[in-house]
């Protein structure tokens, strides 16, 4: 699951709506189109609830333009079908 999140957050800043559809159900997360480079997941917390996993995580990015560190907080719900998907 950590690998899924790392892969997703590497792609997320520049992903198109079509690319996000592979990882995200519906419009749960909209494209952001930022020039951020993924650095790391910070203190991910996973809580299994039936078929879903609730994830609370901070994501550290480096803003390529300003070289500033950007930390974003996400509270997500994941489900596994053929692959993991963010459903909320």
C-alpha atoms as a PDB file:
ATOM      1  CA  UNK A   1       0.000   0.000   0.000  1.00  0.00           C
ATOM      2  CA  UNK A   2       2.882   2.370   0.755  1.00  0.00           C
ATOM      3  CA  UNK A   3       4.281   1.630  -2.702  1.00  0.00           C
ATOM      4  CA  UNK A   4       0.903   2.536  -4.261  1.00  0.00           C
ATOM      5  CA  UNK A   5       0.830   5.844  -2.372  1.00  0.00           C
ATOM      6  CA  UNK A   6       4.419   6.710  -3.300  1.00  0.00           C
ATOM      7  CA  UNK A   7       3.708   5.974  -6.967  1.00  0.00           C
ATOM      8  CA  UNK A   8       0.489   7.999  -6.877  1.00  0.00           C
ATOM      9  CA  UNK A   9       2.014  11.031  -5.164  1.00  0.00           C
ATOM     10  CA  UNK A  10       4.977  11.034  -7.583  1.00  0.00           C
ATOM     11  CA  UNK A  11       2.507  11.341 -10.467  1.00  0.00           C
ATOM     12  CA  UNK A  12      -0.180  13.481  -8.794  1.00  0.00           C
ATOM     13  CA  UNK A  13       1.277  17.016  -9.180  1.00  0.00           C
ATOM     14  CA  UNK A  14       1.397  16.800 -12.982  1.00  0.00           C
ATOM     15  CA  UNK A  15      -1.196  14.086 -13.704  1.00  0.00           C
ATOM     16  CA  UNK A  16      -4.071  14.726 -16.082  1.00  0.00           C
ATOM     17  CA  UNK A  17      -7.651  13.790 -15.254  1.00  0.00           C
ATOM     18  CA  UNK A  18      -7.275  10.729 -17.503  1.00  0.00           C
ATOM     19  CA  UNK A  19      -4.102   9.603 -15.689  1.00  0.00           C
ATOM     20  CA  UNK A  20      -5.739  10.137 -12.285  1.00  0.00           C
ATOM     21  CA  UNK A  21      -8.647   7.878 -13.293  1.00  0.00           C
ATOM     22  CA  UNK A  22      -6.376   4.831 -12.899  1.00  0.00           C
ATOM     23  CA  UNK A  23      -5.724   5.698  -9.237  1.00  0.00           C
ATOM     24  CA  UNK A  24      -8.800   7.689  -8.169  1.00  0.00           C
ATOM     25  CA  UNK A  25     -12.561   7.001  -8.336  1.00  0.00           C
ATOM     26  CA  UNK A  26     -14.658   9.781  -9.821  1.00  0.00           C
ATOM     27  CA  UNK A  27     -13.584  13.303  -8.919  1.00  0.00           C
ATOM     28  CA  UNK A  28     -12.263  12.504  -5.427  1.00  0.00           C
ATOM     29  CA  UNK A  29      -8.987  14.329  -6.233  1.00  0.00           C
ATOM     30  CA  UNK A  30      -8.775  16.895  -9.003  1.00  0.00           C
ATOM     31  CA  UNK A  31      -5.597  17.532 -11.038  1.00  0.00           C
ATOM     32  CA  UNK A  32      -3.375  20.220  -9.480  1.00  0.00           C
ATOM     33  CA  UNK A  33      -0.850  20.895 -12.294  1.00  0.00           C
ATOM     34  CA  UNK A  34       2.010  21.996 -10.011  1.00  0.00           C
ATOM     35  CA  UNK A  35       5.728  21.756 -10.599  1.00  0.00           C
ATOM     36  CA  UNK A  36       6.313  19.694  -7.451  1.00  0.00           C
ATOM     37  CA  UNK A  37       8.756  16.824  -7.077  1.00  0.00           C
ATOM     38  CA  UNK A  38       7.759  14.087  -4.635  1.00  0.00           C
ATOM     39  CA  UNK A  39      10.130  13.739  -1.690  1.00  0.00           C
ATOM     40  CA  UNK A  40       8.527  11.414   0.864  1.00  0.00           C
ATOM     41  CA  UNK A  41       5.454  10.226   2.739  1.00  0.00           C
ATOM     42  CA  UNK A  42       5.492  11.601   6.285  1.00  0.00           C
ATOM     43  CA  UNK A  43       4.002   9.510   9.112  1.00  0.00           C
ATOM     44  CA  UNK A  44       1.395   7.516   7.149  1.00  0.00           C
ATOM     45  CA  UNK A  45      -1.297   5.990   9.362  1.00  0.00           C
ATOM     46  CA  UNK A  46      -3.304   3.051   7.994  1.00  0.00           C
ATOM     47  CA  UNK A  47      -6.580   1.892   9.566  1.00  0.00           C
ATOM     48  CA  UNK A  48      -8.341  -1.129   8.046  1.00  0.00           C
ATOM     49  CA  UNK A  49     -12.126  -0.881   8.099  1.00  0.00           C
ATOM     50  CA  UNK A  50     -13.817  -3.816   6.374  1.00  0.00           C
ATOM     51  CA  UNK A  51     -12.820  -3.794   2.701  1.00  0.00           C
ATOM     52  CA  UNK A  52     -11.436  -0.268   2.941  1.00  0.00           C
ATOM     53  CA  UNK A  53      -8.267   1.241   4.366  1.00  0.00           C
ATOM     54  CA  UNK A  54      -8.323   4.751   5.792  1.00  0.00           C
ATOM     55  CA  UNK A  55      -5.053   6.591   5.290  1.00  0.00           C
ATOM     56  CA  UNK A  56      -3.921   9.785   6.943  1.00  0.00           C
ATOM     57  CA  UNK A  57      -0.619  11.016   5.528  1.00  0.00           C
ATOM     58  CA  UNK A  58       1.439  14.122   4.961  1.00  0.00           C
ATOM     59  CA  UNK A  59       3.284  14.308   1.659  1.00  0.00           C
ATOM     60  CA  UNK A  60       6.501  16.274   1.309  1.00  0.00           C
ATOM     61  CA  UNK A  61       7.197  17.879  -2.071  1.00  0.00           C
ATOM     62  CA  UNK A  62       9.912  20.162  -3.380  1.00  0.00           C
ATOM     63  CA  UNK A  63       8.568  23.078  -5.416  1.00  0.00           C
ATOM     64  CA  UNK A  64      10.797  22.999  -8.501  1.00  0.00           C
ATOM     65  CA  UNK A  65      10.265  26.694  -9.221  1.00  0.00           C
ATOM     66  CA  UNK A  66      10.883  28.206  -5.775  1.00  0.00           C
ATOM     67  CA  UNK A  67      12.893  25.311  -4.250  1.00  0.00           C
ATOM     68  CA  UNK A  68      10.626  25.548  -1.193  1.00  0.00           C
ATOM     69  CA  UNK A  69       9.407  22.459   0.650  1.00  0.00           C
ATOM     70  CA  UNK A  70       5.645  21.962   0.393  1.00  0.00           C
ATOM     71  CA  UNK A  71       3.878  19.617   2.825  1.00  0.00           C
ATOM     72  CA  UNK A  72       0.310  18.600   2.033  1.00  0.00           C
ATOM     73  CA  UNK A  73      -2.007  16.626   4.333  1.00  0.00           C
ATOM     74  CA  UNK A  74      -4.299  13.958   2.876  1.00  0.00           C
ATOM     75  CA  UNK A  75      -7.038  11.878   4.511  1.00  0.00           C
ATOM     76  CA  UNK A  76      -7.983   9.176   2.034  1.00  0.00           C
ATOM     77  CA  UNK A  77      -9.986   5.973   1.814  1.00  0.00           C
ATOM     78  CA  UNK A  78      -8.587   3.204  -0.380  1.00  0.00           C
ATOM     79  CA  UNK A  79     -10.255   0.092  -1.762  1.00  0.00           C
ATOM     80  CA  UNK A  80      -8.714  -2.778  -3.665  1.00  0.00           C
ATOM     81  CA  UNK A  81     -10.403  -4.098  -6.784  1.00  0.00           C
ATOM     82  CA  UNK A  82      -7.909  -5.268  -9.413  1.00  0.00           C
ATOM     83  CA  UNK A  83      -5.585  -2.621  -7.978  1.00  0.00           C
ATOM     84  CA  UNK A  84      -5.710  -0.110  -5.105  1.00  0.00           C
ATOM     85  CA  UNK A  85      -7.854   2.941  -5.772  1.00  0.00           C
ATOM     86  CA  UNK A  86      -8.562   6.118  -3.828  1.00  0.00           C
ATOM     87  CA  UNK A  87     -12.340   6.247  -3.333  1.00  0.00           C
ATOM     88  CA  UNK A  88     -12.630   9.157  -0.912  1.00  0.00           C
END
